[in-house]
mmCIF file of all heavy atoms, coordinates in Angstrom:
data_MODEL
# 
_entry.id   MODEL 
# 
loop_
_atom_site.group_PDB 
_atom_site.id 
_atom_site.type_symbol 
_atom_site.label_atom_id 
_atom_site.label_alt_id 
_atom_site.label_comp_id 
_atom_site.label_asym_id 
_atom_site.label_entity_id 
_atom_site.label_seq_id 
_atom_site.pdbx_PDB_ins_code 
_atom_site.Cartn_x 
_atom_site.Cartn_y 
_atom_site.Cartn_z 
_atom_site.occupancy 
_atom_site.B_iso_or_equiv 
_atom_site.pdbx_formal_charge 
_atom_site.auth_seq_id 
_atom_site.auth_comp_id 
_atom_site.auth_asym_id 
_atom_site.auth_atom_id 
_atom_site.pdbx_PDB_model_num 
ATOM 1   N N   . HIS A 1 1  ? 31.598 37.365 -30.074 1.00 0.00 ? 1  HIS A N   1 
ATOM 2   C CA  . HIS A 1 1  ? 32.604 37.949 -29.179 1.00 0.00 ? 1  HIS A CA  1 
ATOM 3   C C   . HIS A 1 1  ? 33.690 36.938 -28.796 1.00 0.00 ? 1  HIS A C   1 
ATOM 4   O O   . HIS A 1 1  ? 34.431 37.150 -27.840 1.00 0.00 ? 1  HIS A O   1 
ATOM 5   C CB  . HIS A 1 1  ? 31.944 38.477 -27.912 1.00 0.00 ? 1  HIS A CB  1 
ATOM 6   C CG  . HIS A 1 1  ? 30.937 39.545 -28.182 1.00 0.00 ? 1  HIS A CG  1 
ATOM 7   N ND1 . HIS A 1 1  ? 31.268 40.775 -28.709 1.00 0.00 ? 1  HIS A ND1 1 
ATOM 8   C CD2 . HIS A 1 1  ? 29.588 39.557 -28.033 1.00 0.00 ? 1  HIS A CD2 1 
ATOM 9   C CE1 . HIS A 1 1  ? 30.184 41.497 -28.858 1.00 0.00 ? 1  HIS A CE1 1 
ATOM 10  N NE2 . HIS A 1 1  ? 29.146 40.774 -28.458 1.00 0.00 ? 1  HIS A NE2 1 
ATOM 11  N N   . THR A 1 2  ? 33.759 35.832 -29.538 1.00 0.00 ? 2  THR A N   1 
ATOM 12  C CA  . THR A 1 2  ? 34.695 34.755 -29.207 1.00 0.00 ? 2  THR A CA  1 
ATOM 13  C C   . THR A 1 2  ? 35.607 34.452 -30.393 1.00 0.00 ? 2  THR A C   1 
ATOM 14  O O   . THR A 1 2  ? 35.172 34.504 -31.537 1.00 0.00 ? 2  THR A O   1 
ATOM 15  C CB  . THR A 1 2  ? 33.916 33.471 -28.833 1.00 0.00 ? 2  THR A CB  1 
ATOM 16  O OG1 . THR A 1 2  ? 33.003 33.776 -27.772 1.00 0.00 ? 2  THR A OG1 1 
ATOM 17  C CG2 . THR A 1 2  ? 34.848 32.357 -28.393 1.00 0.00 ? 2  THR A CG2 1 
ATOM 18  N N   . ALA A 1 3  ? 36.852 34.123 -30.098 1.00 0.00 ? 3  ALA A N   1 
ATOM 19  C CA  . ALA A 1 3  ? 37.805 33.676 -31.123 1.00 0.00 ? 3  ALA A CA  1 
ATOM 20  C C   . ALA A 1 3  ? 38.492 32.412 -30.625 1.00 0.00 ? 3  ALA A C   1 
ATOM 21  O O   . ALA A 1 3  ? 38.593 32.181 -29.421 1.00 0.00 ? 3  ALA A O   1 
ATOM 22  C CB  . ALA A 1 3  ? 38.842 34.755 -31.415 1.00 0.00 ? 3  ALA A CB  1 
ATOM 23  N N   . MET A 1 4  ? 38.959 31.603 -31.572 1.00 0.00 ? 4  MET A N   1 
ATOM 24  C CA  . MET A 1 4  ? 39.720 30.395 -31.263 1.00 0.00 ? 4  MET A CA  1 
ATOM 25  C C   . MET A 1 4  ? 41.111 30.551 -31.845 1.00 0.00 ? 4  MET A C   1 
ATOM 26  O O   . MET A 1 4  ? 41.264 30.918 -33.014 1.00 0.00 ? 4  MET A O   1 
ATOM 27  C CB  . MET A 1 4  ? 39.047 29.158 -31.868 1.00 0.00 ? 4  MET A CB  1 
ATOM 28  C CG  . MET A 1 4  ? 39.839 27.863 -31.719 1.00 0.00 ? 4  MET A CG  1 
ATOM 29  S SD  . MET A 1 4  ? 39.971 27.361 -29.997 1.00 0.00 ? 4  MET A SD  1 
ATOM 30  C CE  . MET A 1 4  ? 41.317 26.199 -30.077 1.00 0.00 ? 4  MET A CE  1 
ATOM 31  N N   . LEU A 1 5  ? 42.112 30.260 -31.042 1.00 0.00 ? 5  LEU A N   1 
ATOM 32  C CA  . LEU A 1 5  ? 43.502 30.329 -31.468 1.00 0.00 ? 5  LEU A CA  1 
ATOM 33  C C   . LEU A 1 5  ? 44.093 28.930 -31.442 1.00 0.00 ? 5  LEU A C   1 
ATOM 34  O O   . LEU A 1 5  ? 44.065 28.263 -30.410 1.00 0.00 ? 5  LEU A O   1 
ATOM 35  C CB  . LEU A 1 5  ? 44.289 31.249 -30.528 1.00 0.00 ? 5  LEU A CB  1 
ATOM 36  C CG  . LEU A 1 5  ? 45.796 31.291 -30.705 1.00 0.00 ? 5  LEU A CG  1 
ATOM 37  C CD1 . LEU A 1 5  ? 46.165 31.798 -32.087 1.00 0.00 ? 5  LEU A CD1 1 
ATOM 38  C CD2 . LEU A 1 5  ? 46.416 32.151 -29.627 1.00 0.00 ? 5  LEU A CD2 1 
ATOM 39  N N   . GLY A 1 6  ? 44.609 28.477 -32.580 1.00 0.00 ? 6  GLY A N   1 
ATOM 40  C CA  . GLY A 1 6  ? 45.193 27.154 -32.638 1.00 0.00 ? 6  GLY A CA  1 
ATOM 41  C C   . GLY A 1 6  ? 46.188 27.015 -33.770 1.00 0.00 ? 6  GLY A C   1 
ATOM 42  O O   . GLY A 1 6  ? 46.393 27.944 -34.555 1.00 0.00 ? 6  GLY A O   1 
ATOM 43  N N   . ASP A 1 7  ? 46.783 25.829 -33.861 1.00 0.00 ? 7  ASP A N   1 
ATOM 44  C CA  . ASP A 1 7  ? 47.805 25.591 -34.885 1.00 0.00 ? 7  ASP A CA  1 
ATOM 45  C C   . ASP A 1 7  ? 47.387 24.548 -35.918 1.00 0.00 ? 7  ASP A C   1 
ATOM 46  O O   . ASP A 1 7  ? 48.155 24.266 -36.828 1.00 0.00 ? 7  ASP A O   1 
ATOM 47  C CB  . ASP A 1 7  ? 49.117 25.149 -34.226 1.00 0.00 ? 7  ASP A CB  1 
ATOM 48  C CG  . ASP A 1 7  ? 49.015 23.779 -33.590 1.00 0.00 ? 7  ASP A CG  1 
ATOM 49  O OD1 . ASP A 1 7  ? 48.082 23.539 -32.809 1.00 0.00 ? 7  ASP A OD1 1 
ATOM 50  O OD2 . ASP A 1 7  ? 49.874 22.928 -33.880 1.00 0.00 ? 7  ASP A OD2 1 
ATOM 51  N N   . LYS A 1 8  ? 46.190 23.981 -35.779 1.00 0.00 ? 8  LYS A N   1 
ATOM 52  C CA  . LYS A 1 8  ? 45.773 22.928 -36.720 1.00 0.00 ? 8  LYS A CA  1 
ATOM 53  C C   . LYS A 1 8  ? 44.441 23.263 -37.377 1.00 0.00 ? 8  LYS A C   1 
ATOM 54  O O   . LYS A 1 8  ? 43.475 23.655 -36.713 1.00 0.00 ? 8  LYS A O   1 
ATOM 55  C CB  . LYS A 1 8  ? 45.670 21.590 -36.001 1.00 0.00 ? 8  LYS A CB  1 
ATOM 56  C CG  . LYS A 1 8  ? 47.034 21.047 -35.602 1.00 0.00 ? 8  LYS A CG  1 
ATOM 57  C CD  . LYS A 1 8  ? 46.968 19.585 -35.258 1.00 0.00 ? 8  LYS A CD  1 
ATOM 58  C CE  . LYS A 1 8  ? 48.327 19.039 -34.920 1.00 0.00 ? 8  LYS A CE  1 
ATOM 59  N NZ  . LYS A 1 8  ? 49.028 19.749 -33.870 1.00 0.00 ? 8  LYS A NZ  1 
ATOM 60  N N   . LEU A 1 9  ? 44.403 23.043 -38.688 1.00 0.00 ? 9  LEU A N   1 
ATOM 61  C CA  . LEU A 1 9  ? 43.177 23.295 -39.442 1.00 0.00 ? 9  LEU A CA  1 
ATOM 62  C C   . LEU A 1 9  ? 42.073 22.304 -39.118 1.00 0.00 ? 9  LEU A C   1 
ATOM 63  O O   . LEU A 1 9  ? 40.910 22.684 -38.986 1.00 0.00 ? 9  LEU A O   1 
ATOM 64  C CB  . LEU A 1 9  ? 43.460 23.220 -40.952 1.00 0.00 ? 9  LEU A CB  1 
ATOM 65  C CG  . LEU A 1 9  ? 44.320 24.310 -41.552 1.00 0.00 ? 9  LEU A CG  1 
ATOM 66  C CD1 . LEU A 1 9  ? 44.595 24.003 -43.017 1.00 0.00 ? 9  LEU A CD1 1 
ATOM 67  C CD2 . LEU A 1 9  ? 43.665 25.657 -41.412 1.00 0.00 ? 9  LEU A CD2 1 
ATOM 68  N N   . LEU A 1 10 ? 42.427 21.024 -39.018 1.00 0.00 ? 10 LEU A N   1 
ATOM 69  C CA  . LEU A 1 10 ? 41.405 19.982 -38.887 1.00 0.00 ? 10 LEU A CA  1 
ATOM 70  C C   . LEU A 1 10 ? 40.748 19.931 -37.517 1.00 0.00 ? 10 LEU A C   1 
ATOM 71  O O   . LEU A 1 10 ? 39.713 19.286 -37.361 1.00 0.00 ? 10 LEU A O   1 
ATOM 72  C CB  . LEU A 1 10 ? 42.000 18.616 -39.226 1.00 0.00 ? 10 LEU A CB  1 
ATOM 73  C CG  . LEU A 1 10 ? 42.409 18.437 -40.681 1.00 0.00 ? 10 LEU A CG  1 
ATOM 74  C CD1 . LEU A 1 10 ? 43.094 17.096 -40.889 1.00 0.00 ? 10 LEU A CD1 1 
ATOM 75  C CD2 . LEU A 1 10 ? 41.213 18.575 -41.615 1.00 0.00 ? 10 LEU A CD2 1 
ATOM 76  N N   . THR A 1 11 ? 41.316 20.583 -36.540 1.00 0.00 ? 11 THR A N   1 
ATOM 77  C CA  . THR A 1 11 ? 40.691 20.612 -35.215 1.00 0.00 ? 11 THR A CA  1 
ATOM 78  C C   . THR A 1 11 ? 40.319 22.035 -34.832 1.00 0.00 ? 11 THR A C   1 
ATOM 79  O O   . THR A 1 11 ? 39.139 22.350 -34.692 1.00 0.00 ? 11 THR A O   1 
ATOM 80  C CB  . THR A 1 11 ? 41.622 20.003 -34.151 1.00 0.00 ? 11 THR A CB  1 
ATOM 81  O OG1 . THR A 1 11 ? 42.900 20.649 -34.208 1.00 0.00 ? 11 THR A OG1 1 
ATOM 82  C CG2 . THR A 1 11 ? 41.780 18.513 -34.352 1.00 0.00 ? 11 THR A CG2 1 
ATOM 83  N N   . ASP A 1 12 ? 41.302 22.896 -34.709 1.00 0.00 ? 12 ASP A N   1 
ATOM 84  C CA  . ASP A 1 12 ? 41.075 24.248 -34.195 1.00 0.00 ? 12 ASP A CA  1 
ATOM 85  C C   . ASP A 1 12 ? 40.275 25.134 -35.157 1.00 0.00 ? 12 ASP A C   1 
ATOM 86  O O   . ASP A 1 12 ? 39.264 25.719 -34.775 1.00 0.00 ? 12 ASP A O   1 
ATOM 87  C CB  . ASP A 1 12 ? 42.417 24.911 -33.870 1.00 0.00 ? 12 ASP A CB  1 
ATOM 88  C CG  . ASP A 1 12 ? 43.271 24.072 -32.942 1.00 0.00 ? 12 ASP A CG  1 
ATOM 89  O OD1 . ASP A 1 12 ? 42.728 23.567 -31.942 1.00 0.00 ? 12 ASP A OD1 1 
ATOM 90  O OD2 . ASP A 1 12 ? 44.473 23.905 -33.216 1.00 0.00 ? 12 ASP A OD2 1 
ATOM 91  N N   . VAL A 1 13 ? 40.722 25.222 -36.393 1.00 0.00 ? 13 VAL A N   1 
ATOM 92  C CA  . VAL A 1 13 ? 40.064 26.103 -37.360 1.00 0.00 ? 13 VAL A CA  1 
ATOM 93  C C   . VAL A 1 13 ? 38.690 25.554 -37.756 1.00 0.00 ? 13 VAL A C   1 
ATOM 94  O O   . VAL A 1 13 ? 37.696 26.278 -37.724 1.00 0.00 ? 13 VAL A O   1 
ATOM 95  C CB  . VAL A 1 13 ? 40.942 26.337 -38.611 1.00 0.00 ? 13 VAL A CB  1 
ATOM 96  C CG1 . VAL A 1 13 ? 40.186 27.077 -39.701 1.00 0.00 ? 13 VAL A CG1 1 
ATOM 97  C CG2 . VAL A 1 13 ? 42.202 27.116 -38.224 1.00 0.00 ? 13 VAL A CG2 1 
ATOM 98  N N   . LEU A 1 14 ? 38.631 24.289 -38.102 1.00 0.00 ? 14 LEU A N   1 
ATOM 99  C CA  . LEU A 1 14 ? 37.345 23.699 -38.492 1.00 0.00 ? 14 LEU A CA  1 
ATOM 100 C C   . LEU A 1 14 ? 36.335 23.792 -37.350 1.00 0.00 ? 14 LEU A C   1 
ATOM 101 O O   . LEU A 1 14 ? 35.180 24.160 -37.559 1.00 0.00 ? 14 LEU A O   1 
ATOM 102 C CB  . LEU A 1 14 ? 37.525 22.246 -38.929 1.00 0.00 ? 14 LEU A CB  1 
ATOM 103 C CG  . LEU A 1 14 ? 36.249 21.503 -39.337 1.00 0.00 ? 14 LEU A CG  1 
ATOM 104 C CD1 . LEU A 1 14 ? 35.531 22.217 -40.480 1.00 0.00 ? 14 LEU A CD1 1 
ATOM 105 C CD2 . LEU A 1 14 ? 36.584 20.064 -39.728 1.00 0.00 ? 14 LEU A CD2 1 
ATOM 106 N N   . GLY A 1 15 ? 36.755 23.494 -36.134 1.00 0.00 ? 15 GLY A N   1 
ATOM 107 C CA  . GLY A 1 15 ? 35.853 23.595 -34.987 1.00 0.00 ? 15 GLY A CA  1 
ATOM 108 C C   . GLY A 1 15 ? 35.370 25.016 -34.754 1.00 0.00 ? 15 GLY A C   1 
ATOM 109 O O   . GLY A 1 15 ? 34.201 25.248 -34.436 1.00 0.00 ? 15 GLY A O   1 
ATOM 110 N N   . ALA A 1 16 ? 36.272 25.981 -34.909 1.00 0.00 ? 16 ALA A N   1 
ATOM 111 C CA  . ALA A 1 16 ? 35.884 27.383 -34.755 1.00 0.00 ? 16 ALA A CA  1 
ATOM 112 C C   . ALA A 1 16 ? 34.854 27.771 -35.809 1.00 0.00 ? 16 ALA A C   1 
ATOM 113 O O   . ALA A 1 16 ? 33.827 28.389 -35.497 1.00 0.00 ? 16 ALA A O   1 
ATOM 114 C CB  . ALA A 1 16 ? 37.115 28.284 -34.858 1.00 0.00 ? 16 ALA A CB  1 
ATOM 115 N N   . LYS A 1 17 ? 35.109 27.400 -37.046 1.00 0.00 ? 17 LYS A N   1 
ATOM 116 C CA  . LYS A 1 17 ? 34.182 27.729 -38.130 1.00 0.00 ? 17 LYS A CA  1 
ATOM 117 C C   . LYS A 1 17 ? 32.816 27.082 -37.891 1.00 0.00 ? 17 LYS A C   1 
ATOM 118 O O   . LYS A 1 17 ? 31.781 27.716 -38.088 1.00 0.00 ? 17 LYS A O   1 
ATOM 119 C CB  . LYS A 1 17 ? 34.751 27.277 -39.474 1.00 0.00 ? 17 LYS A CB  1 
ATOM 120 C CG  . LYS A 1 17 ? 35.995 28.012 -39.894 1.00 0.00 ? 17 LYS A CG  1 
ATOM 121 C CD  . LYS A 1 17 ? 35.678 29.440 -40.225 1.00 0.00 ? 17 LYS A CD  1 
ATOM 122 C CE  . LYS A 1 17 ? 36.849 30.118 -40.888 1.00 0.00 ? 17 LYS A CE  1 
ATOM 123 N NZ  . LYS A 1 17 ? 36.465 31.364 -41.524 1.00 0.00 ? 17 LYS A NZ  1 
ATOM 124 N N   . ARG A 1 18 ? 32.828 25.825 -37.473 1.00 0.00 ? 18 ARG A N   1 
ATOM 125 C CA  . ARG A 1 18 ? 31.566 25.123 -37.207 1.00 0.00 ? 18 ARG A CA  1 
ATOM 126 C C   . ARG A 1 18 ? 30.812 25.753 -36.043 1.00 0.00 ? 18 ARG A C   1 
ATOM 127 O O   . ARG A 1 18 ? 29.593 25.672 -35.967 1.00 0.00 ? 18 ARG A O   1 
ATOM 128 C CB  . ARG A 1 18 ? 31.835 23.646 -36.907 1.00 0.00 ? 18 ARG A CB  1 
ATOM 129 C CG  . ARG A 1 18 ? 32.353 22.891 -38.127 1.00 0.00 ? 18 ARG A CG  1 
ATOM 130 C CD  . ARG A 1 18 ? 32.571 21.431 -37.826 1.00 0.00 ? 18 ARG A CD  1 
ATOM 131 N NE  . ARG A 1 18 ? 31.264 20.800 -37.637 1.00 0.00 ? 18 ARG A NE  1 
ATOM 132 C CZ  . ARG A 1 18 ? 31.034 19.798 -36.789 1.00 0.00 ? 18 ARG A CZ  1 
ATOM 133 N NH1 . ARG A 1 18 ? 32.004 19.312 -36.061 1.00 0.00 ? 18 ARG A NH1 1 
ATOM 134 N NH2 . ARG A 1 18 ? 29.829 19.286 -36.685 1.00 0.00 ? 18 ARG A NH2 1 
ATOM 135 N N   . SER A 1 19 ? 31.541 26.392 -35.137 1.00 0.00 ? 19 SER A N   1 
ATOM 136 C CA  . SER A 1 19 ? 30.929 27.032 -33.968 1.00 0.00 ? 19 SER A CA  1 
ATOM 137 C C   . SER A 1 19 ? 30.567 28.485 -34.212 1.00 0.00 ? 19 SER A C   1 
ATOM 138 O O   . SER A 1 19 ? 30.037 29.145 -33.318 1.00 0.00 ? 19 SER A O   1 
ATOM 139 C CB  . SER A 1 19 ? 31.887 26.929 -32.764 1.00 0.00 ? 19 SER A CB  1 
ATOM 140 O OG  . SER A 1 19 ? 32.162 25.576 -32.479 1.00 0.00 ? 19 SER A OG  1 
ATOM 141 N N   . GLY A 1 20 ? 30.907 28.998 -35.386 1.00 0.00 ? 20 GLY A N   1 
ATOM 142 C CA  . GLY A 1 20 ? 30.570 30.379 -35.722 1.00 0.00 ? 20 GLY A CA  1 
ATOM 143 C C   . GLY A 1 20 ? 31.452 31.418 -35.072 1.00 0.00 ? 20 GLY A C   1 
ATOM 144 O O   . GLY A 1 20 ? 31.037 32.561 -34.886 1.00 0.00 ? 20 GLY A O   1 
ATOM 145 N N   . ILE A 1 21 ? 32.684 31.033 -34.727 1.00 0.00 ? 21 ILE A N   1 
ATOM 146 C CA  . ILE A 1 21 ? 33.586 31.983 -34.088 1.00 0.00 ? 21 ILE A CA  1 
ATOM 147 C C   . ILE A 1 21 ? 34.799 32.261 -34.970 1.00 0.00 ? 21 ILE A C   1 
ATOM 148 O O   . ILE A 1 21 ? 35.105 31.508 -35.887 1.00 0.00 ? 21 ILE A O   1 
ATOM 149 C CB  . ILE A 1 21 ? 34.024 31.512 -32.688 1.00 0.00 ? 21 ILE A CB  1 
ATOM 150 C CG1 . ILE A 1 21 ? 34.837 30.227 -32.741 1.00 0.00 ? 21 ILE A CG1 1 
ATOM 151 C CG2 . ILE A 1 21 ? 32.807 31.309 -31.786 1.00 0.00 ? 21 ILE A CG2 1 
ATOM 152 C CD1 . ILE A 1 21 ? 35.341 29.773 -31.373 1.00 0.00 ? 21 ILE A CD1 1 
ATOM 153 N N   . LEU A 1 22 ? 35.481 33.357 -34.678 1.00 0.00 ? 22 LEU A N   1 
ATOM 154 C CA  . LEU A 1 22 ? 36.659 33.779 -35.423 1.00 0.00 ? 22 LEU A CA  1 
ATOM 155 C C   . LEU A 1 22 ? 37.780 32.761 -35.248 1.00 0.00 ? 22 LEU A C   1 
ATOM 156 O O   . LEU A 1 22 ? 38.088 32.345 -34.130 1.00 0.00 ? 22 LEU A O   1 
ATOM 157 C CB  . LEU A 1 22 ? 37.113 35.145 -34.913 1.00 0.00 ? 22 LEU A CB  1 
ATOM 158 C CG  . LEU A 1 22 ? 38.192 35.874 -35.697 1.00 0.00 ? 22 LEU A CG  1 
ATOM 159 C CD1 . LEU A 1 22 ? 37.645 36.326 -37.048 1.00 0.00 ? 22 LEU A CD1 1 
ATOM 160 C CD2 . LEU A 1 22 ? 38.687 37.072 -34.906 1.00 0.00 ? 22 LEU A CD2 1 
ATOM 161 N N   . ALA A 1 23 ? 38.394 32.343 -36.354 1.00 0.00 ? 23 ALA A N   1 
ATOM 162 C CA  . ALA A 1 23 ? 39.451 31.333 -36.332 1.00 0.00 ? 23 ALA A CA  1 
ATOM 163 C C   . ALA A 1 23 ? 40.812 31.989 -36.560 1.00 0.00 ? 23 ALA A C   1 
ATOM 164 O O   . ALA A 1 23 ? 41.088 32.496 -37.646 1.00 0.00 ? 23 ALA A O   1 
ATOM 165 C CB  . ALA A 1 23 ? 39.194 30.280 -37.407 1.00 0.00 ? 23 ALA A CB  1 
ATOM 166 N N   . LEU A 1 24 ? 41.647 31.976 -35.521 1.00 0.00 ? 24 LEU A N   1 
ATOM 167 C CA  . LEU A 1 24 ? 42.994 32.529 -35.585 1.00 0.00 ? 24 LEU A CA  1 
ATOM 168 C C   . LEU A 1 24 ? 43.979 31.362 -35.585 1.00 0.00 ? 24 LEU A C   1 
ATOM 169 O O   . LEU A 1 24 ? 43.859 30.447 -34.784 1.00 0.00 ? 24 LEU A O   1 
ATOM 170 C CB  . LEU A 1 24 ? 43.265 33.416 -34.358 1.00 0.00 ? 24 LEU A CB  1 
ATOM 171 C CG  . LEU A 1 24 ? 42.221 34.489 -34.054 1.00 0.00 ? 24 LEU A CG  1 
ATOM 172 C CD1 . LEU A 1 24 ? 42.585 35.229 -32.773 1.00 0.00 ? 24 LEU A CD1 1 
ATOM 173 C CD2 . LEU A 1 24 ? 42.070 35.453 -35.220 1.00 0.00 ? 24 LEU A CD2 1 
ATOM 174 N N   . MET A 1 25 ? 44.951 31.439 -36.469 1.00 0.00 ? 25 MET A N   1 
ATOM 175 C CA  . MET A 1 25 ? 45.891 30.324 -36.600 1.00 0.00 ? 25 MET A CA  1 
ATOM 176 C C   . MET A 1 25 ? 47.328 30.804 -36.450 1.00 0.00 ? 25 MET A C   1 
ATOM 177 O O   . MET A 1 25 ? 47.694 31.867 -36.951 1.00 0.00 ? 25 MET A O   1 
ATOM 178 C CB  . MET A 1 25 ? 45.717 29.654 -37.953 1.00 0.00 ? 25 MET A CB  1 
ATOM 179 C CG  . MET A 1 25 ? 46.528 28.401 -38.108 1.00 0.00 ? 25 MET A CG  1 
ATOM 180 S SD  . MET A 1 25 ? 46.093 27.566 -39.641 1.00 0.00 ? 25 MET A SD  1 
ATOM 181 C CE  . MET A 1 25 ? 47.062 26.106 -39.457 1.00 0.00 ? 25 MET A CE  1 
# 
């Protein structure tokens, strides 16, 4: 039920993926 919104792959997207949450960029 959680998503992460960010502008960087190496922090926001990778962290979201590692945490099992939806990665929005």
